[in-house]
Amino acid sequence: MPRQVDHAERRRVVAGAVCRLADERGLEGVTLRDVADRAGVSMGAVQRCFGTKEEMLVFTLGLIGERIGERARARLARSPAQSAATAVGHAAVEIALLEEEHRAEARVWLAFVAQAAVSEPLAATLRENYAALQGSFTRLLAEAGTGADAEREAHALLALADGLTAHVLVGHLTAAQARDVLDAHLRQLWTRVSPGTA
């Protein structure tokens, strides 16, 4: 009897191969043939999972976004008694991908962001990811006392976290310097909108 293939798991395996190749070569170095080789499956198996290369990339980007979001949520869940201000800081650090163990993921994320500038399907996936993160930041900032400015401040914080990712990857800032920038921004935010919150 033929072995049953877990289609969802195979898609994740293929996406993992896409990430490893994108980390090594950028997205321009991701071909269906190389993805199949790296995933240890046939070209036909990859094509049965994804109709096109773009569909494969969109799925992979969605998976990366989910993983980052889950990590941020897990960080918040580990310390439920923390203040909203502390929670915002923890979530921002996770999203900025400043930890050494997330450096490969950061390279892949930025490769996708660059490609999204010329790919509407990737851009749409990024907008969904950003909207979810934006919503989380807005709620946390409102709880921390930012009031009517919570949504604007969430936009600024998300943009700062993304920018710090790029600055660390190209060597303009060290991870420690990026954390200092993020901490300083949050301290100014709490002082500006709600003295004594931080």
C-alpha atoms as a PDB file:
ATOM      1  CA  MET A   1       0.000   0.000   0.000  1.00  0.00           C
ATOM      2  CA  PRO A   2       1.465   3.427  -0.919  1.00  0.00           C
ATOM      3  CA  ARG A   3       2.726   5.526   1.969  1.00  0.00           C
ATOM      4  CA  GLN A   4       0.438   8.426   2.872  1.00  0.00           C
ATOM      5  CA  VAL A   5       2.058  11.836   2.488  1.00  0.00           C
ATOM      6  CA  ASP A   6       1.243  14.547   5.005  1.00  0.00           C
ATOM      7  CA  HIS A   7       0.693  17.407   2.548  1.00  0.00           C
ATOM      8  CA  ALA A   8       0.801  20.149   5.196  1.00  0.00           C
ATOM      9  CA  GLU A   9       4.033  18.787   6.659  1.00  0.00           C
ATOM     10  CA  ARG A  10       5.600  18.496   3.197  1.00  0.00           C
ATOM     11  CA  ARG A  11       4.739  22.155   2.522  1.00  0.00           C
ATOM     12  CA  ARG A  12       6.484  23.123   5.768  1.00  0.00           C
ATOM     13  CA  VAL A  13       9.552  21.051   4.828  1.00  0.00           C
ATOM     14  CA  VAL A  14       9.689  22.776   1.446  1.00  0.00           C
ATOM     15  CA  ALA A  15       9.289  26.183   3.117  1.00  0.00           C
ATOM     16  CA  GLY A  16      12.191  25.330   5.428  1.00  0.00           C
ATOM     17  CA  ALA A  17      14.332  24.590   2.362  1.00  0.00           C
ATOM     18  CA  VAL A  18      13.298  27.942   0.856  1.00  0.00           C
ATOM     19  CA  CYS A  19      14.415  29.697   4.047  1.00  0.00           C
ATOM     20  CA  ARG A  20      17.809  27.982   4.114  1.00  0.00           C
ATOM     21  CA  LEU A  21      18.461  28.825   0.464  1.00  0.00           C
ATOM     22  CA  ALA A  22      17.242  32.417   0.867  1.00  0.00           C
ATOM     23  CA  ASP A  23      19.553  32.822   3.860  1.00  0.00           C
ATOM     24  CA  GLU A  24      22.523  31.617   1.820  1.00  0.00           C
ATOM     25  CA  ARG A  25      21.777  33.235  -1.554  1.00  0.00           C
ATOM     26  CA  GLY A  26      18.863  35.650  -1.250  1.00  0.00           C
ATOM     27  CA  LEU A  27      15.554  34.995  -2.984  1.00  0.00           C
ATOM     28  CA  GLU A  28      17.141  35.273  -6.419  1.00  0.00           C
ATOM     29  CA  GLY A  29      19.005  32.071  -5.570  1.00  0.00           C
ATOM     30  CA  VAL A  30      15.835  30.112  -4.805  1.00  0.00           C
ATOM     31  CA  THR A  31      14.920  27.785  -7.674  1.00  0.00           C
ATOM     32  CA  LEU A  32      12.399  24.962  -7.617  1.00  0.00           C
ATOM     33  CA  ARG A  33      15.138  22.467  -8.431  1.00  0.00           C
ATOM     34  CA  ASP A  34      17.391  23.648  -5.604  1.00  0.00           C
ATOM     35  CA  VAL A  35      14.458  23.731  -3.184  1.00  0.00           C
ATOM     36  CA  ALA A  36      13.612  20.130  -4.090  1.00  0.00           C
ATOM     37  CA  ASP A  37      17.244  19.068  -3.599  1.00  0.00           C
ATOM     38  CA  ARG A  38      17.505  20.879  -0.249  1.00  0.00           C
ATOM     39  CA  ALA A  39      14.162  19.494   0.961  1.00  0.00           C
ATOM     40  CA  GLY A  40      15.124  15.976  -0.102  1.00  0.00           C
ATOM     41  CA  VAL A  41      12.078  15.565  -2.347  1.00  0.00           C
ATOM     42  CA  SER A  42      11.454  15.380  -6.081  1.00  0.00           C
ATOM     43  CA  MET A  43      10.631  18.371  -8.290  1.00  0.00           C
ATOM     44  CA  GLY A  44       7.241  16.779  -8.814  1.00  0.00           C
ATOM     45  CA  ALA A  45       6.632  16.725  -5.050  1.00  0.00           C
ATOM     46  CA  VAL A  46       7.409  20.437  -4.813  1.00  0.00           C
ATOM     47  CA  GLN A  47       5.096  21.167  -7.745  1.00  0.00           C
ATOM     48  CA  ARG A  48       2.300  19.140  -6.151  1.00  0.00           C
ATOM     49  CA  CYS A  49       2.672  21.284  -3.008  1.00  0.00           C
ATOM     50  CA  PHE A  50       2.828  24.594  -4.849  1.00  0.00           C
ATOM     51  CA  GLY A  51       1.526  25.453  -8.287  1.00  0.00           C
ATOM     52  CA  THR A  52       4.099  28.217  -8.808  1.00  0.00           C
ATOM     53  CA  LYS A  53       7.292  29.552  -7.277  1.00  0.00           C
ATOM     54  CA  GLU A  54       5.391  32.636  -6.162  1.00  0.00           C
ATOM     55  CA  GLU A  55       2.834  30.505  -4.312  1.00  0.00           C
ATOM     56  CA  MET A  56       5.723  28.742  -2.578  1.00  0.00           C
ATOM     57  CA  LEU A  57       7.278  32.065  -1.561  1.00  0.00           C
ATOM     58  CA  VAL A  58       3.967  33.471  -0.291  1.00  0.00           C
ATOM     59  CA  PHE A  59       3.422  30.375   1.864  1.00  0.00           C
ATOM     60  CA  THR A  60       6.974  30.576   3.222  1.00  0.00           C
ATOM     61  CA  LEU A  61       6.624  34.256   4.102  1.00  0.00           C
ATOM     62  CA  GLY A  62       3.339  33.556   5.885  1.00  0.00           C
ATOM     63  CA  LEU A  63       5.031  30.801   7.882  1.00  0.00           C
ATOM     64  CA  ILE A  64       7.885  33.106   8.923  1.00  0.00           C
ATOM     65  CA  GLY A  65       5.390  35.767  10.018  1.00  0.00           C
ATOM     66  CA  GLU A  66       3.448  33.215  12.050  1.00  0.00           C
ATOM     67  CA  ARG A  67       6.627  31.983  13.728  1.00  0.00           C
ATOM     68  CA  ILE A  68       7.693  35.507  14.735  1.00  0.00           C
ATOM     69  CA  GLY A  69       4.194  36.301  16.002  1.00  0.00           C
ATOM     70  CA  GLU A  70       4.002  33.064  17.998  1.00  0.00           C
ATOM     71  CA  ARG A  71       7.365  33.794  19.607  1.00  0.00           C
ATOM     72  CA  ALA A  72       6.245  37.277  20.614  1.00  0.00           C
ATOM     73  CA  ARG A  73       2.988  35.892  22.063  1.00  0.00           C
ATOM     74  CA  ALA A  74       4.876  33.170  23.937  1.00  0.00           C
ATOM     75  CA  ARG A  75       7.212  35.792  25.411  1.00  0.00           C
ATOM     76  CA  LEU A  76       4.180  37.702  26.686  1.00  0.00           C
ATOM     77  CA  ALA A  77       2.518  34.568  28.063  1.00  0.00           C
ATOM     78  CA  ARG A  78       5.616  33.623  30.096  1.00  0.00           C
ATOM     79  CA  SER A  79       5.223  36.777  32.218  1.00  0.00           C
ATOM     80  CA  PRO A  80       1.484  37.476  32.512  1.00  0.00           C
ATOM     81  CA  ALA A  81       1.978  39.756  35.512  1.00  0.00           C
ATOM     82  CA  GLN A  82       4.243  42.186  33.653  1.00  0.00           C
ATOM     83  CA  SER A  83       3.064  45.715  32.912  1.00  0.00           C
ATOM     84  CA  ALA A  84       1.790  46.591  29.455  1.00  0.00           C
ATOM     85  CA  ALA A  85       4.864  48.790  29.025  1.00  0.00           C
ATOM     86  CA  THR A  86       7.192  45.851  29.710  1.00  0.00           C
ATOM     87  CA  ALA A  87       5.137  43.631  27.414  1.00  0.00           C
ATOM     88  CA  VAL A  88       5.514  46.121  24.549  1.00  0.00           C
ATOM     89  CA  GLY A  89       9.292  46.118  25.011  1.00  0.00           C
ATOM     90  CA  HIS A  90       9.509  42.326  25.019  1.00  0.00           C
ATOM     91  CA  ALA A  91       7.333  42.027  21.912  1.00  0.00           C
ATOM     92  CA  ALA A  92       9.345  44.702  20.070  1.00  0.00           C
ATOM     93  CA  VAL A  93      12.625  42.882  20.765  1.00  0.00           C
ATOM     94  CA  GLU A  94      11.180  39.631  19.380  1.00  0.00           C
ATOM     95  CA  ILE A  95       9.859  41.362  16.253  1.00  0.00           C
ATOM     96  CA  ALA A  96      13.146  43.193  15.629  1.00  0.00           C
ATOM     97  CA  LEU A  97      14.922  39.790  15.460  1.00  0.00           C
ATOM     98  CA  LEU A  98      17.929  41.129  17.358  1.00  0.00           C
ATOM     99  CA  GLU A  99      18.962  37.870  19.038  1.00  0.00           C
ATOM    100  CA  GLU A 100      21.892  36.021  17.487  1.00  0.00           C
ATOM    101  CA  GLU A 101      19.802  32.855  17.086  1.00  0.00           C
ATOM    102  CA  HIS A 102      17.343  34.805  14.934  1.00  0.00           C
ATOM    103  CA  ARG A 103      19.936  36.334  12.607  1.00  0.00           C
ATOM    104  CA  ALA A 104      19.280  33.863   9.770  1.00  0.00           C
ATOM    105  CA  GLU A 105      15.552  34.447  10.101  1.00  0.00           C
ATOM    106  CA  ALA A 106      16.189  38.211   9.956  1.00  0.00           C
ATOM    107  CA  ARG A 107      18.172  37.829   6.705  1.00  0.00           C
ATOM    108  CA  VAL A 108      15.360  35.789   5.168  1.00  0.00           C
ATOM    109  CA  TRP A 109      12.688  38.226   6.410  1.00  0.00           C
ATOM    110  CA  LEU A 110      14.462  41.194   4.810  1.00  0.00           C
ATOM    111  CA  ALA A 111      14.980  39.278   1.572  1.00  0.00           C
ATOM    112  CA  PHE A 112      11.217  38.793   1.440  1.00  0.00           C
ATOM    113  CA  VAL A 113      10.546  42.448   2.308  1.00  0.00           C
ATOM    114  CA  ALA A 114      12.777  43.539  -0.584  1.00  0.00           C
ATOM    115  CA  GLN A 115      11.071  41.139  -2.995  1.00  0.00           C
ATOM    116  CA  ALA A 116       7.635  42.307  -1.826  1.00  0.00           C
ATOM    117  CA  ALA A 117       8.402  45.731  -3.320  1.00  0.00           C
ATOM    118  CA  VAL A 118       7.963  44.140  -6.761  1.00  0.00           C
ATOM    119  CA  SER A 119       5.562  41.281  -5.920  1.00  0.00           C
ATOM    120  CA  GLU A 120       1.976  42.144  -5.002  1.00  0.00           C
ATOM    121  CA  PRO A 121       1.193  38.663  -3.585  1.00  0.00           C
ATOM    122  CA  LEU A 122       4.189  38.928  -1.237  1.00  0.00           C
ATOM    123  CA  ALA A 123       3.273  42.526  -0.392  1.00  0.00           C
ATOM    124  CA  ALA A 124      -0.272  41.413   0.479  1.00  0.00           C
ATOM    125  CA  THR A 125       1.089  38.725   2.810  1.00  0.00           C
ATOM    126  CA  LEU A 126       3.401  41.253   4.463  1.00  0.00           C
ATOM    127  CA  ARG A 127       0.507  43.669   4.956  1.00  0.00           C
ATOM    128  CA  GLU A 128      -1.431  40.923   6.736  1.00  0.00           C
ATOM    129  CA  ASN A 129       1.554  40.150   8.970  1.00  0.00           C
ATOM    130  CA  TYR A 130       2.114  43.816   9.765  1.00  0.00           C
ATOM    131  CA  ALA A 131      -1.596  44.379  10.437  1.00  0.00           C
ATOM    132  CA  ALA A 132      -1.619  41.569  13.014  1.00  0.00           C
ATOM    133  CA  LEU A 133       1.494  42.930  14.745  1.00  0.00           C
ATOM    134  CA  GLN A 134       0.096  46.462  14.532  1.00  0.00           C
ATOM    135  CA  GLY A 135      -3.075  45.321  16.271  1.00  0.00           C
ATOM    136  CA  SER A 136      -1.118  43.677  19.085  1.00  0.00           C
ATOM    137  CA  PHE A 137       1.064  46.743  19.625  1.00  0.00           C
ATOM    138  CA  THR A 138      -1.943  49.072  19.542  1.00  0.00           C
ATOM    139  CA  ARG A 139      -3.732  47.064  22.242  1.00  0.00           C
ATOM    140  CA  LEU A 140      -0.646  46.905  24.446  1.00  0.00           C
ATOM    141  CA  LEU A 141       0.098  50.604  24.020  1.00  0.00           C
ATOM    142  CA  ALA A 142      -3.499  51.502  24.842  1.00  0.00           C
ATOM    143  CA  GLU A 143      -3.250  49.401  28.020  1.00  0.00           C
ATOM    144  CA  ALA A 144      -0.018  51.194  28.850  1.00  0.00           C
ATOM    145  CA  GLY A 145      -1.827  54.532  28.763  1.00  0.00           C
ATOM    146  CA  THR A 146      -1.087  55.951  25.307  1.00  0.00           C
ATOM    147  CA  GLY A 147      -4.778  56.691  24.737  1.00  0.00           C
ATOM    148  CA  ALA A 148      -5.755  58.139  21.378  1.00  0.00           C
ATOM    149  CA  ASP A 149      -2.173  57.989  20.069  1.00  0.00           C
ATOM    150  CA  ALA A 150      -1.847  54.217  20.523  1.00  0.00           C
ATOM    151  CA  GLU A 151      -2.313  53.374  16.844  1.00  0.00           C
ATOM    152  CA  ARG A 152       0.167  56.005  15.642  1.00  0.00           C
ATOM    153  CA  GLU A 153       2.717  54.959  18.262  1.00  0.00           C
ATOM    154  CA  ALA A 154       2.234  51.314  17.247  1.00  0.00           C
ATOM    155  CA  HIS A 155       3.020  52.250  13.624  1.00  0.00           C
ATOM    156  CA  ALA A 156       6.183  54.043  14.744  1.00  0.00           C
ATOM    157  CA  LEU A 157       7.324  51.187  16.972  1.00  0.00           C
ATOM    158  CA  LEU A 158       6.757  48.566  14.280  1.00  0.00           C
ATOM    159  CA  ALA A 159       8.677  50.654  11.741  1.00  0.00           C
ATOM    160  CA  LEU A 160      11.511  51.173  14.243  1.00  0.00           C
ATOM    161  CA  ALA A 161      11.746  47.443  14.987  1.00  0.00           C
ATOM    162  CA  ASP A 162      11.889  46.646  11.258  1.00  0.00           C
ATOM    163  CA  GLY A 163      14.497  49.327  10.638  1.00  0.00           C
ATOM    164  CA  LEU A 164      16.685  48.088  13.476  1.00  0.00           C
ATOM    165  CA  THR A 165      16.645  44.616  11.926  1.00  0.00           C
ATOM    166  CA  ALA A 166      18.152  46.036   8.745  1.00  0.00           C
ATOM    167  CA  HIS A 167      20.703  48.213  10.568  1.00  0.00           C
ATOM    168  CA  VAL A 168      21.996  45.233  12.552  1.00  0.00           C
ATOM    169  CA  LEU A 169      22.190  42.967   9.509  1.00  0.00           C
ATOM    170  CA  VAL A 170      24.271  45.411   7.471  1.00  0.00           C
ATOM    171  CA  GLY A 171      26.536  46.131  10.435  1.00  0.00           C
ATOM    172  CA  HIS A 172      25.530  49.765  10.989  1.00  0.00           C
ATOM    173  CA  LEU A 173      24.521  48.902  14.564  1.00  0.00           C
ATOM    174  CA  THR A 174      25.375  46.038  16.870  1.00  0.00           C
ATOM    175  CA  ALA A 175      22.490  44.123  18.417  1.00  0.00           C
ATOM    176  CA  ALA A 176      23.295  45.777  21.756  1.00  0.00           C
ATOM    177  CA  GLN A 177      23.191  49.244  20.198  1.00  0.00           C
ATOM    178  CA  ALA A 178      19.882  48.419  18.527  1.00  0.00           C
ATOM    179  CA  ARG A 179      18.438  47.322  21.873  1.00  0.00           C
ATOM    180  CA  ASP A 180      19.627  50.603  23.393  1.00  0.00           C
ATOM    181  CA  VAL A 181      17.863  52.551  20.624  1.00  0.00           C
ATOM    182  CA  LEU A 182      14.680  50.563  21.173  1.00  0.00           C
ATOM    183  CA  ASP A 183      14.849  50.986  24.965  1.00  0.00           C
ATOM    184  CA  ALA A 184      15.456  54.729  24.633  1.00  0.00           C
ATOM    185  CA  HIS A 185      12.473  55.079  22.301  1.00  0.00           C
ATOM    186  CA  LEU A 186      10.218  53.221  24.719  1.00  0.00           C
ATOM    187  CA  ARG A 187      11.434  55.266  27.696  1.00  0.00           C
ATOM    188  CA  GLN A 188      10.678  58.476  25.802  1.00  0.00           C
ATOM    189  CA  LEU A 189       7.280  57.108  24.811  1.00  0.00           C
ATOM    190  CA  TRP A 190       6.272  56.276  28.371  1.00  0.00           C
ATOM    191  CA  THR A 191       7.549  59.638  29.638  1.00  0.00           C
ATOM    192  CA  ARG A 192       5.736  61.522  26.890  1.00  0.00           C
ATOM    193  CA  VAL A 193       2.371  59.797  27.077  1.00  0.00           C
ATOM    194  CA  SER A 194       2.130  58.567  30.640  1.00  0.00           C
ATOM    195  CA  PRO A 195       4.775  59.678  33.139  1.00  0.00           C
ATOM    196  CA  GLY A 196       5.606  56.910  35.598  1.00  0.00           C
ATOM    197  CA  THR A 197       4.277  54.071  33.381  1.00  0.00           C
ATOM    198  CA  ALA A 198       7.662  52.504  32.547  1.00  0.00           C
END
